[in-house]
PDB file of all heavy atoms in Angstrom:
ATOM      1  N   TYR A   1     -16.255  -7.767 -10.920  1.00  0.00           N
ATOM      2  CA  TYR A   1     -15.784  -9.140 -11.104  1.00  0.00           C
ATOM      3  C   TYR A   1     -14.419  -9.349 -10.438  1.00  0.00           C
ATOM      4  O   TYR A   1     -13.616 -10.157 -10.895  1.00  0.00           O
ATOM      5  CB  TYR A   1     -15.735  -9.470 -12.599  1.00  0.00           C
ATOM      6  CG  TYR A   1     -17.109  -9.391 -13.220  1.00  0.00           C
ATOM      7  CD1 TYR A   1     -17.611  -8.180 -13.670  1.00  0.00           C
ATOM      8  CD2 TYR A   1     -17.934 -10.507 -13.280  1.00  0.00           C
ATOM      9  CE1 TYR A   1     -18.889  -8.079 -14.193  1.00  0.00           C
ATOM     10  CE2 TYR A   1     -19.211 -10.420 -13.801  1.00  0.00           C
ATOM     11  CZ  TYR A   1     -19.692  -9.203 -14.258  1.00  0.00           C
ATOM     12  OH  TYR A   1     -20.964  -9.121 -14.754  1.00  0.00           O
ATOM     13  N   LEU A   2     -14.173  -8.635  -9.343  1.00  0.00           N
ATOM     14  CA  LEU A   2     -12.909  -8.789  -8.629  1.00  0.00           C
ATOM     15  C   LEU A   2     -12.742 -10.217  -8.117  1.00  0.00           C
ATOM     16  O   LEU A   2     -11.616 -10.724  -8.038  1.00  0.00           O
ATOM     17  CB  LEU A   2     -12.824  -7.801  -7.469  1.00  0.00           C
ATOM     18  CG  LEU A   2     -12.826  -6.315  -7.846  1.00  0.00           C
ATOM     19  CD1 LEU A   2     -12.821  -5.454  -6.585  1.00  0.00           C
ATOM     20  CD2 LEU A   2     -11.633  -5.960  -8.727  1.00  0.00           C
ATOM     21  N   ASP A   3     -13.851 -10.877  -7.777  1.00  0.00           N
ATOM     22  CA  ASP A   3     -13.759 -12.264  -7.334  1.00  0.00           C
ATOM     23  C   ASP A   3     -13.271 -13.176  -8.451  1.00  0.00           C
ATOM     24  O   ASP A   3     -12.519 -14.139  -8.203  1.00  0.00           O
ATOM     25  CB  ASP A   3     -15.109 -12.750  -6.807  1.00  0.00           C
ATOM     26  CG  ASP A   3     -16.220 -12.690  -7.860  1.00  0.00           C
ATOM     27  OD1 ASP A   3     -16.284 -11.688  -8.606  1.00  0.00           O
ATOM     28  OD2 ASP A   3     -17.024 -13.644  -7.940  1.00  0.00           O
ATOM     29  N   ILE A   4     -13.654 -12.858  -9.685  1.00  0.00           N
ATOM     30  CA  ILE A   4     -13.195 -13.657 -10.827  1.00  0.00           C
ATOM     31  C   ILE A   4     -11.707 -13.433 -11.065  1.00  0.00           C
ATOM     32  O   ILE A   4     -10.953 -14.386 -11.328  1.00  0.00           O
ATOM     33  CB  ILE A   4     -14.001 -13.315 -12.091  1.00  0.00           C
ATOM     34  CG1 ILE A   4     -15.508 -13.440 -11.838  1.00  0.00           C
ATOM     35  CG2 ILE A   4     -13.571 -14.203 -13.253  1.00  0.00           C
ATOM     36  CD1 ILE A   4     -15.964 -14.804 -11.380  1.00  0.00           C
ATOM     37  N   ILE A   5     -11.277 -12.197 -10.971  1.00  0.00           N
ATOM     38  CA  ILE A   5      -9.844 -11.907 -11.106  1.00  0.00           C
ATOM     39  C   ILE A   5      -9.053 -12.715 -10.090  1.00  0.00           C
ATOM     40  O   ILE A   5      -8.023 -13.328 -10.412  1.00  0.00           O
ATOM     41  CB  ILE A   5      -9.581 -10.397 -10.926  1.00  0.00           C
ATOM     42  CG1 ILE A   5     -10.239  -9.600 -12.055  1.00  0.00           C
ATOM     43  CG2 ILE A   5      -8.079 -10.106 -10.883  1.00  0.00           C
ATOM     44  CD1 ILE A   5     -10.200  -8.092 -11.864  1.00  0.00           C
ATOM     45  N   ARG A   6      -9.535 -12.758  -8.852  1.00  0.00           N
ATOM     46  CA  ARG A   6      -8.835 -13.499  -7.795  1.00  0.00           C
ATOM     47  C   ARG A   6      -8.802 -14.999  -8.103  1.00  0.00           C
ATOM     48  O   ARG A   6      -7.767 -15.652  -7.947  1.00  0.00           O
ATOM     49  CB  ARG A   6      -9.546 -13.261  -6.466  1.00  0.00           C
ATOM     50  CG  ARG A   6      -8.922 -13.950  -5.264  1.00  0.00           C
ATOM     51  CD  ARG A   6      -7.632 -13.277  -4.850  1.00  0.00           C
ATOM     52  NE  ARG A   6      -6.439 -13.913  -5.384  1.00  0.00           N
ATOM     53  CZ  ARG A   6      -5.238 -13.335  -5.426  1.00  0.00           C
ATOM     54  NH1 ARG A   6      -5.088 -12.093  -5.004  1.00  0.00           N
ATOM     55  NH2 ARG A   6      -4.204 -13.977  -5.902  1.00  0.00           N
ATOM     56  N   ARG A   7      -9.943 -15.539  -8.551  1.00  0.00           N
ATOM     57  CA  ARG A   7      -9.997 -16.975  -8.856  1.00  0.00           C
ATOM     58  C   ARG A   7      -9.057 -17.319 -10.000  1.00  0.00           C
ATOM     59  O   ARG A   7      -8.364 -18.347  -9.966  1.00  0.00           O
ATOM     60  CB  ARG A   7     -11.421 -17.399  -9.214  1.00  0.00           C
ATOM     61  CG  ARG A   7     -12.375 -17.432  -8.040  1.00  0.00           C
ATOM     62  CD  ARG A   7     -13.653 -18.177  -8.365  1.00  0.00           C
ATOM     63  NE  ARG A   7     -13.390 -19.614  -8.556  1.00  0.00           N
ATOM     64  CZ  ARG A   7     -14.346 -20.534  -8.614  1.00  0.00           C
ATOM     65  NH1 ARG A   7     -15.615 -20.179  -8.482  1.00  0.00           N
ATOM     66  NH2 ARG A   7     -14.047 -21.796  -8.806  1.00  0.00           N
ATOM     67  N   VAL A   8      -9.012 -16.477 -11.014  1.00  0.00           N
ATOM     68  CA  VAL A   8      -8.131 -16.738 -12.153  1.00  0.00           C
ATOM     69  C   VAL A   8      -6.675 -16.616 -11.734  1.00  0.00           C
ATOM     70  O   VAL A   8      -5.830 -17.437 -12.119  1.00  0.00           O
ATOM     71  CB  VAL A   8      -8.471 -15.799 -13.319  1.00  0.00           C
ATOM     72  CG1 VAL A   8      -7.449 -15.926 -14.439  1.00  0.00           C
ATOM     73  CG2 VAL A   8      -9.875 -16.085 -13.841  1.00  0.00           C
ATOM     74  N   ARG A   9      -6.373 -15.604 -10.905  1.00  0.00           N
ATOM     75  CA  ARG A   9      -4.994 -15.438 -10.425  1.00  0.00           C
ATOM     76  C   ARG A   9      -4.525 -16.673  -9.666  1.00  0.00           C
ATOM     77  O   ARG A   9      -3.373 -17.119  -9.803  1.00  0.00           O
ATOM     78  CB  ARG A   9      -4.934 -14.204  -9.532  1.00  0.00           C
ATOM     79  CG  ARG A   9      -3.635 -13.958  -8.774  1.00  0.00           C
ATOM     80  CD  ARG A   9      -2.486 -13.499  -9.677  1.00  0.00           C
ATOM     81  NE  ARG A   9      -2.014 -14.577 -10.551  1.00  0.00           N
ATOM     82  CZ  ARG A   9      -1.500 -14.383 -11.772  1.00  0.00           C
ATOM     83  NH1 ARG A   9      -1.430 -13.182 -12.284  1.00  0.00           N
ATOM     84  NH2 ARG A   9      -1.078 -15.397 -12.487  1.00  0.00           N
ATOM     85  N   ASP A  10      -5.410 -17.245  -8.856  1.00  0.00           N
ATOM     86  CA  ASP A  10      -5.049 -18.429  -8.087  1.00  0.00           C
ATOM     87  C   ASP A  10      -4.945 -19.682  -8.952  1.00  0.00           C
ATOM     88  O   ASP A  10      -4.290 -20.647  -8.565  1.00  0.00           O
ATOM     89  CB  ASP A  10      -6.085 -18.671  -6.979  1.00  0.00           C
ATOM     90  CG  ASP A  10      -6.037 -17.610  -5.890  1.00  0.00           C
ATOM     91  OD1 ASP A  10      -5.016 -16.905  -5.786  1.00  0.00           O
ATOM     92  OD2 ASP A  10      -7.040 -17.482  -5.151  1.00  0.00           O
ATOM     93  N   TYR A  11      -5.572 -19.652 -10.128  1.00  0.00           N
ATOM     94  CA  TYR A  11      -5.618 -20.828 -10.992  1.00  0.00           C
ATOM     95  C   TYR A  11      -4.398 -20.951 -11.900  1.00  0.00           C
ATOM     96  O   TYR A  11      -3.960 -22.052 -12.210  1.00  0.00           O
ATOM     97  CB  TYR A  11      -6.888 -20.783 -11.849  1.00  0.00           C
ATOM     98  CG  TYR A  11      -7.033 -21.936 -12.803  1.00  0.00           C
ATOM     99  CD1 TYR A  11      -7.522 -23.158 -12.364  1.00  0.00           C
ATOM    100  CD2 TYR A  11      -6.668 -21.810 -14.152  1.00  0.00           C
ATOM    101  CE1 TYR A  11      -7.647 -24.230 -13.231  1.00  0.00           C
ATOM    102  CE2 TYR A  11      -6.787 -22.878 -15.017  1.00  0.00           C
ATOM    103  CZ  TYR A  11      -7.270 -24.091 -14.563  1.00  0.00           C
ATOM    104  OH  TYR A  11      -7.391 -25.141 -15.429  1.00  0.00           O
ATOM    105  N   THR A  12      -3.844 -19.816 -12.334  1.00  0.00           N
ATOM    106  CA  THR A  12      -2.827 -19.851 -13.390  1.00  0.00           C
ATOM    107  C   THR A  12      -1.638 -18.960 -13.068  1.00  0.00           C
ATOM    108  O   THR A  12      -1.750 -18.000 -12.289  1.00  0.00           O
ATOM    109  CB  THR A  12      -3.431 -19.407 -14.732  1.00  0.00           C
ATOM    110  OG1 THR A  12      -2.410 -19.448 -15.749  1.00  0.00           O
ATOM    111  CG2 THR A  12      -3.973 -17.986 -14.660  1.00  0.00           C
ATOM    112  N   HIS A  13      -0.514 -19.280 -13.697  1.00  0.00           N
ATOM    113  CA  HIS A  13       0.669 -18.429 -13.599  1.00  0.00           C
ATOM    114  C   HIS A  13       0.780 -17.484 -14.792  1.00  0.00           C
ATOM    115  O   HIS A  13       1.705 -16.659 -14.852  1.00  0.00           O
ATOM    116  CB  HIS A  13       1.936 -19.274 -13.500  1.00  0.00           C
ATOM    117  CG  HIS A  13       2.017 -20.081 -12.236  1.00  0.00           C
ATOM    118  ND1 HIS A  13       2.055 -19.501 -10.989  1.00  0.00           N
ATOM    119  CD2 HIS A  13       2.043 -21.421 -12.024  1.00  0.00           C
ATOM    120  CE1 HIS A  13       2.124 -20.443 -10.064  1.00  0.00           C
ATOM    121  NE2 HIS A  13       2.105 -21.622 -10.675  1.00  0.00           N
ATOM    122  N   LEU A  14      -0.118 -17.587 -15.762  1.00  0.00           N
ATOM    123  CA  LEU A  14      -0.093 -16.639 -16.879  1.00  0.00           C
ATOM    124  C   LEU A  14      -0.480 -15.241 -16.392  1.00  0.00           C
ATOM    125  O   LEU A  14      -1.195 -15.099 -15.402  1.00  0.00           O
ATOM    126  CB  LEU A  14      -1.068 -17.084 -17.969  1.00  0.00           C
ATOM    127  CG  LEU A  14      -0.688 -18.286 -18.825  1.00  0.00           C
ATOM    128  CD1 LEU A  14      -1.744 -18.519 -19.893  1.00  0.00           C
ATOM    129  CD2 LEU A  14       0.676 -18.104 -19.464  1.00  0.00           C
ATOM    130  N   PRO A  15      -0.024 -14.202 -17.092  1.00  0.00           N
ATOM    131  CA  PRO A  15      -0.435 -12.844 -16.713  1.00  0.00           C
ATOM    132  C   PRO A  15      -1.945 -12.680 -16.797  1.00  0.00           C
ATOM    133  O   PRO A  15      -2.584 -13.132 -17.751  1.00  0.00           O
ATOM    134  CB  PRO A  15       0.285 -11.965 -17.740  1.00  0.00           C
ATOM    135  CG  PRO A  15       1.448 -12.776 -18.200  1.00  0.00           C
ATOM    136  CD  PRO A  15       0.971 -14.198 -18.184  1.00  0.00           C
ATOM    137  N   VAL A  16      -2.499 -12.033 -15.794  1.00  0.00           N
ATOM    138  CA  VAL A  16      -3.933 -11.771 -15.718  1.00  0.00           C
ATOM    139  C   VAL A  16      -4.169 -10.282 -15.980  1.00  0.00           C
ATOM    140  O   VAL A  16      -3.514  -9.426 -15.382  1.00  0.00           O
ATOM    141  CB  VAL A  16      -4.500 -12.170 -14.347  1.00  0.00           C
ATOM    142  CG1 VAL A  16      -5.978 -11.783 -14.228  1.00  0.00           C
ATOM    143  CG2 VAL A  16      -4.321 -13.667 -14.111  1.00  0.00           C
ATOM    144  N   VAL A  17      -5.104 -10.005 -16.877  1.00  0.00           N
ATOM    145  CA  VAL A  17      -5.390  -8.631 -17.294  1.00  0.00           C
ATOM    146  C   VAL A  17      -6.834  -8.305 -16.932  1.00  0.00           C
ATOM    147  O   VAL A  17      -7.735  -9.106 -17.163  1.00  0.00           O
ATOM    148  CB  VAL A  17      -5.178  -8.462 -18.818  1.00  0.00           C
ATOM    149  CG1 VAL A  17      -5.359  -7.006 -19.225  1.00  0.00           C
ATOM    150  CG2 VAL A  17      -3.790  -8.968 -19.222  1.00  0.00           C
ATOM    151  N   ALA A  18      -7.045  -7.129 -16.364  1.00  0.00           N
ATOM    152  CA  ALA A  18      -8.390  -6.660 -16.038  1.00  0.00           C
ATOM    153  C   ALA A  18      -8.731  -5.489 -16.954  1.00  0.00           C
ATOM    154  O   ALA A  18      -7.876  -4.639 -17.224  1.00  0.00           O
ATOM    155  CB  ALA A  18      -8.464  -6.211 -14.587  1.00  0.00           C
ATOM    156  N   TYR A  19      -9.974  -5.437 -17.409  1.00  0.00           N
ATOM    157  CA  TYR A  19     -10.428  -4.320 -18.236  1.00  0.00           C
ATOM    158  C   TYR A  19     -11.355  -3.442 -17.395  1.00  0.00           C
ATOM    159  O   TYR A  19     -12.480  -3.822 -17.079  1.00  0.00           O
ATOM    160  CB  TYR A  19     -11.167  -4.829 -19.470  1.00  0.00           C
ATOM    161  CG  TYR A  19     -11.267  -3.825 -20.611  1.00  0.00           C
ATOM    162  CD1 TYR A  19     -11.170  -4.241 -21.933  1.00  0.00           C
ATOM    163  CD2 TYR A  19     -11.459  -2.462 -20.373  1.00  0.00           C
ATOM    164  CE1 TYR A  19     -11.256  -3.339 -22.989  1.00  0.00           C
ATOM    165  CE2 TYR A  19     -11.540  -1.552 -21.416  1.00  0.00           C
ATOM    166  CZ  TYR A  19     -11.446  -2.000 -22.718  1.00  0.00           C
ATOM    167  OH  TYR A  19     -11.532  -1.094 -23.756  1.00  0.00           O
ATOM    168  N   ASN A  20     -10.839  -2.282 -17.020  1.00  0.00           N
ATOM    169  CA  ASN A  20     -11.622  -1.254 -16.323  1.00  0.00           C
ATOM    170  C   ASN A  20     -12.485  -0.554 -17.375  1.00  0.00           C
ATOM    171  O   ASN A  20     -12.077   0.415 -17.976  1.00  0.00           O
ATOM    172  CB  ASN A  20     -10.649  -0.289 -15.637  1.00  0.00           C
ATOM    173  CG  ASN A  20     -11.280   0.884 -14.954  1.00  0.00           C
ATOM    174  OD1 ASN A  20     -10.682   1.957 -14.912  1.00  0.00           O
ATOM    175  ND2 ASN A  20     -12.465   0.735 -14.403  1.00  0.00           N
ATOM    176  N   VAL A  21     -13.693  -1.056 -17.578  1.00  0.00           N
ATOM    177  CA  VAL A  21     -14.463  -0.767 -18.786  1.00  0.00           C
ATOM    178  C   VAL A  21     -15.131   0.604 -18.743  1.00  0.00           C
ATOM    179  O   VAL A  21     -15.120   1.314 -17.735  1.00  0.00           O
ATOM    180  CB  VAL A  21     -15.508  -1.870 -19.052  1.00  0.00           C
ATOM    181  CG1 VAL A  21     -14.833  -3.202 -19.272  1.00  0.00           C
ATOM    182  CG2 VAL A  21     -16.529  -1.944 -17.927  1.00  0.00           C
ATOM    183  N   SER A  22     -15.759   0.926 -19.863  1.00  0.00           N
ATOM    184  CA  SER A  22     -16.303   2.263 -20.087  1.00  0.00           C
ATOM    185  C   SER A  22     -17.350   2.667 -19.065  1.00  0.00           C
ATOM    186  O   SER A  22     -17.394   3.818 -18.623  1.00  0.00           O
ATOM    187  CB  SER A  22     -16.901   2.350 -21.494  1.00  0.00           C
ATOM    188  OG  SER A  22     -17.932   1.388 -21.670  1.00  0.00           O
ATOM    189  N   GLY A  23     -18.222   1.730 -18.660  1.00  0.00           N
ATOM    190  CA  GLY A  23     -19.235   2.060 -17.678  1.00  0.00           C
ATOM    191  C   GLY A  23     -18.643   2.381 -16.323  1.00  0.00           C
ATOM    192  O   GLY A  23     -19.131   3.275 -15.609  1.00  0.00           O
ATOM    193  N   GLU A  24     -17.592   1.678 -15.954  1.00  0.00           N
ATOM    194  CA  GLU A  24     -16.888   1.967 -14.706  1.00  0.00           C
ATOM    195  C   GLU A  24     -16.263   3.359 -14.767  1.00  0.00           C
ATOM    196  O   GLU A  24     -16.317   4.128 -13.799  1.00  0.00           O
ATOM    197  CB  GLU A  24     -15.815   0.899 -14.463  1.00  0.00           C
ATOM    198  CG  GLU A  24     -16.377  -0.501 -14.297  1.00  0.00           C
ATOM    199  CD  GLU A  24     -15.340  -1.609 -14.425  1.00  0.00           C
ATOM    200  OE1 GLU A  24     -14.134  -1.282 -14.575  1.00  0.00           O
ATOM    201  OE2 GLU A  24     -15.717  -2.786 -14.396  1.00  0.00           O
ATOM    202  N   TYR A  25     -15.662   3.658 -15.903  1.00  0.00           N
ATOM    203  CA  TYR A  25     -15.065   4.977 -16.116  1.00  0.00           C
ATOM    204  C   TYR A  25     -16.129   6.072 -16.033  1.00  0.00           C
ATOM    205  O   TYR A  25     -15.967   7.073 -15.334  1.00  0.00           O
ATOM    206  CB  TYR A  25     -14.380   5.004 -17.483  1.00  0.00           C
ATOM    207  CG  TYR A  25     -13.848   6.342 -17.922  1.00  0.00           C
ATOM    208  CD1 TYR A  25     -12.552   6.735 -17.590  1.00  0.00           C
ATOM    209  CD2 TYR A  25     -14.630   7.221 -18.677  1.00  0.00           C
ATOM    210  CE1 TYR A  25     -12.058   7.968 -17.999  1.00  0.00           C
ATOM    211  CE2 TYR A  25     -14.138   8.452 -19.085  1.00  0.00           C
ATOM    212  CZ  TYR A  25     -12.854   8.817 -18.748  1.00  0.00           C
ATOM    213  OH  TYR A  25     -12.365  10.041 -19.140  1.00  0.00           O
ATOM    214  N   ALA A  26     -17.242   5.865 -16.745  1.00  0.00           N
ATOM    215  CA  ALA A  26     -18.281   6.896 -16.832  1.00  0.00           C
ATOM    216  C   ALA A  26     -18.893   7.191 -15.469  1.00  0.00           C
ATOM    217  O   ALA A  26     -19.195   8.355 -15.147  1.00  0.00           O
ATOM    218  CB  ALA A  26     -19.357   6.467 -17.828  1.00  0.00           C
ATOM    219  N   MET A  27     -19.098   6.175 -14.651  1.00  0.00           N
ATOM    220  CA  MET A  27     -19.697   6.391 -13.339  1.00  0.00           C
ATOM    221  C   MET A  27     -18.804   7.263 -12.462  1.00  0.00           C
ATOM    222  O   MET A  27     -19.280   8.176 -11.784  1.00  0.00           O
ATOM    223  CB  MET A  27     -19.966   5.049 -12.653  1.00  0.00           C
ATOM    224  CG  MET A  27     -21.093   4.260 -13.279  1.00  0.00           C
ATOM    225  SD  MET A  27     -21.617   2.837 -12.287  1.00  0.00           S
ATOM    226  CE  MET A  27     -20.118   1.879 -12.235  1.00  0.00           C
ATOM    227  N   ILE A  28     -17.513   6.980 -12.472  1.00  0.00           N
ATOM    228  CA  ILE A  28     -16.598   7.777 -11.664  1.00  0.00           C
ATOM    229  C   ILE A  28     -16.528   9.207 -12.187  1.00  0.00           C
ATOM    230  O   ILE A  28     -16.560  10.171 -11.411  1.00  0.00           O
ATOM    231  CB  ILE A  28     -15.198   7.123 -11.640  1.00  0.00           C
ATOM    232  CG1 ILE A  28     -15.259   5.817 -10.843  1.00  0.00           C
ATOM    233  CG2 ILE A  28     -14.161   8.071 -11.052  1.00  0.00           C
ATOM    234  CD1 ILE A  28     -13.971   5.024 -10.865  1.00  0.00           C
ATOM    235  N   LYS A  29     -16.462   9.349 -13.505  1.00  0.00           N
ATOM    236  CA  LYS A  29     -16.400  10.691 -14.088  1.00  0.00           C
ATOM    237  C   LYS A  29     -17.660  11.496 -13.761  1.00  0.00           C
ATOM    238  O   LYS A  29     -17.588  12.679 -13.418  1.00  0.00           O
ATOM    239  CB  LYS A  29     -16.202  10.603 -15.603  1.00  0.00           C
ATOM    240  CG  LYS A  29     -14.779  10.347 -16.032  1.00  0.00           C
ATOM    241  CD  LYS A  29     -13.905  11.518 -15.663  1.00  0.00           C
ATOM    242  CE  LYS A  29     -12.451  11.287 -16.036  1.00  0.00           C
ATOM    243  NZ  LYS A  29     -11.579  12.391 -15.571  1.00  0.00           N
ATOM    244  N   ALA A  30     -18.814  10.856 -13.873  1.00  0.00           N
ATOM    245  CA  ALA A  30     -20.073  11.559 -13.604  1.00  0.00           C
ATOM    246  C   ALA A  30     -20.150  12.005 -12.147  1.00  0.00           C
ATOM    247  O   ALA A  30     -20.523  13.148 -11.845  1.00  0.00           O
ATOM    248  CB  ALA A  30     -21.255  10.662 -13.955  1.00  0.00           C
ATOM    249  N   ALA A  31     -19.801  11.102 -11.236  1.00  0.00           N
ATOM    250  CA  ALA A  31     -19.836  11.462  -9.817  1.00  0.00           C
ATOM    251  C   ALA A  31     -18.804  12.534  -9.491  1.00  0.00           C
ATOM    252  O   ALA A  31     -19.060  13.430  -8.682  1.00  0.00           O
ATOM    253  CB  ALA A  31     -19.594  10.219  -8.963  1.00  0.00           C
ATOM    254  N   GLY A  32     -17.639  12.449 -10.146  1.00  0.00           N
ATOM    255  CA  GLY A  32     -16.617  13.468  -9.935  1.00  0.00           C
ATOM    256  C   GLY A  32     -17.065  14.836 -10.412  1.00  0.00           C
ATOM    257  O   GLY A  32     -16.846  15.862  -9.752  1.00  0.00           O
ATOM    258  N   GLN A  33     -17.720  14.882 -11.571  1.00  0.00           N
ATOM    259  CA  GLN A  33     -18.196  16.153 -12.103  1.00  0.00           C
ATOM    260  C   GLN A  33     -19.262  16.778 -11.215  1.00  0.00           C
ATOM    261  O   GLN A  33     -19.391  18.002 -11.141  1.00  0.00           O
ATOM    262  CB  GLN A  33     -18.734  15.953 -13.521  1.00  0.00           C
ATOM    263  CG  GLN A  33     -17.646  15.684 -14.550  1.00  0.00           C
ATOM    264  CD  GLN A  33     -18.202  15.406 -15.935  1.00  0.00           C
ATOM    265  OE1 GLN A  33     -19.400  15.176 -16.120  1.00  0.00           O
ATOM    266  NE2 GLN A  33     -17.340  15.411 -16.951  1.00  0.00           N
ATOM    267  N   GLN A  34     -20.026  15.937 -10.518  1.00  0.00           N
ATOM    268  CA  GLN A  34     -21.044  16.440  -9.594  1.00  0.00           C
ATOM    269  C   GLN A  34     -20.465  16.845  -8.243  1.00  0.00           C
ATOM    270  O   GLN A  34     -21.185  17.402  -7.409  1.00  0.00           O
ATOM    271  CB  GLN A  34     -22.117  15.370  -9.384  1.00  0.00           C
ATOM    272  CG  GLN A  34     -22.971  15.086 -10.602  1.00  0.00           C
ATOM    273  CD  GLN A  34     -23.831  16.269 -11.008  1.00  0.00           C
ATOM    274  OE1 GLN A  34     -24.318  17.015 -10.163  1.00  0.00           O
ATOM    275  NE2 GLN A  34     -23.997  16.467 -12.299  1.00  0.00           N
ATOM    276  N   GLY A  35     -19.196  16.527  -8.015  1.00  0.00           N
ATOM    277  CA  GLY A  35     -18.586  16.835  -6.735  1.00  0.00           C
ATOM    278  C   GLY A  35     -18.983  15.879  -5.624  1.00  0.00           C
ATOM    279  O   GLY A  35     -18.803  16.172  -4.441  1.00  0.00           O
ATOM    280  N   TRP A  36     -19.518  14.722  -5.996  1.00  0.00           N
ATOM    281  CA  TRP A  36     -19.996  13.759  -5.003  1.00  0.00           C
ATOM    282  C   TRP A  36     -18.864  12.898  -4.438  1.00  0.00           C
ATOM    283  O   TRP A  36     -19.034  12.270  -3.390  1.00  0.00           O
ATOM    284  CB  TRP A  36     -21.056  12.856  -5.621  1.00  0.00           C
ATOM    285  CG  TRP A  36     -22.312  13.582  -6.001  1.00  0.00           C
ATOM    286  CD1 TRP A  36     -22.769  14.768  -5.485  1.00  0.00           C
ATOM    287  CD2 TRP A  36     -23.271  13.168  -6.973  1.00  0.00           C
ATOM    288  NE1 TRP A  36     -23.950  15.126  -6.074  1.00  0.00           N
ATOM    289  CE2 TRP A  36     -24.300  14.152  -6.997  1.00  0.00           C
ATOM    290  CE3 TRP A  36     -23.387  12.073  -7.820  1.00  0.00           C
ATOM    291  CZ2 TRP A  36     -25.402  14.066  -7.834  1.00  0.00           C
ATOM    292  CZ3 TRP A  36     -24.479  11.977  -8.656  1.00  0.00           C
ATOM    293  CH2 TRP A  36     -25.479  12.972  -8.660  1.00  0.00           C
TER     294      TRP A  36
END
């Protein structure tokens, strides 16, 4: 949802927070453990 982050950033001056969620974490960890 990087496109959404960009759209929100352009829309408001409030701080924008992204949640790098569990599935994103798990995919990187799994691929890292496999050496891929």
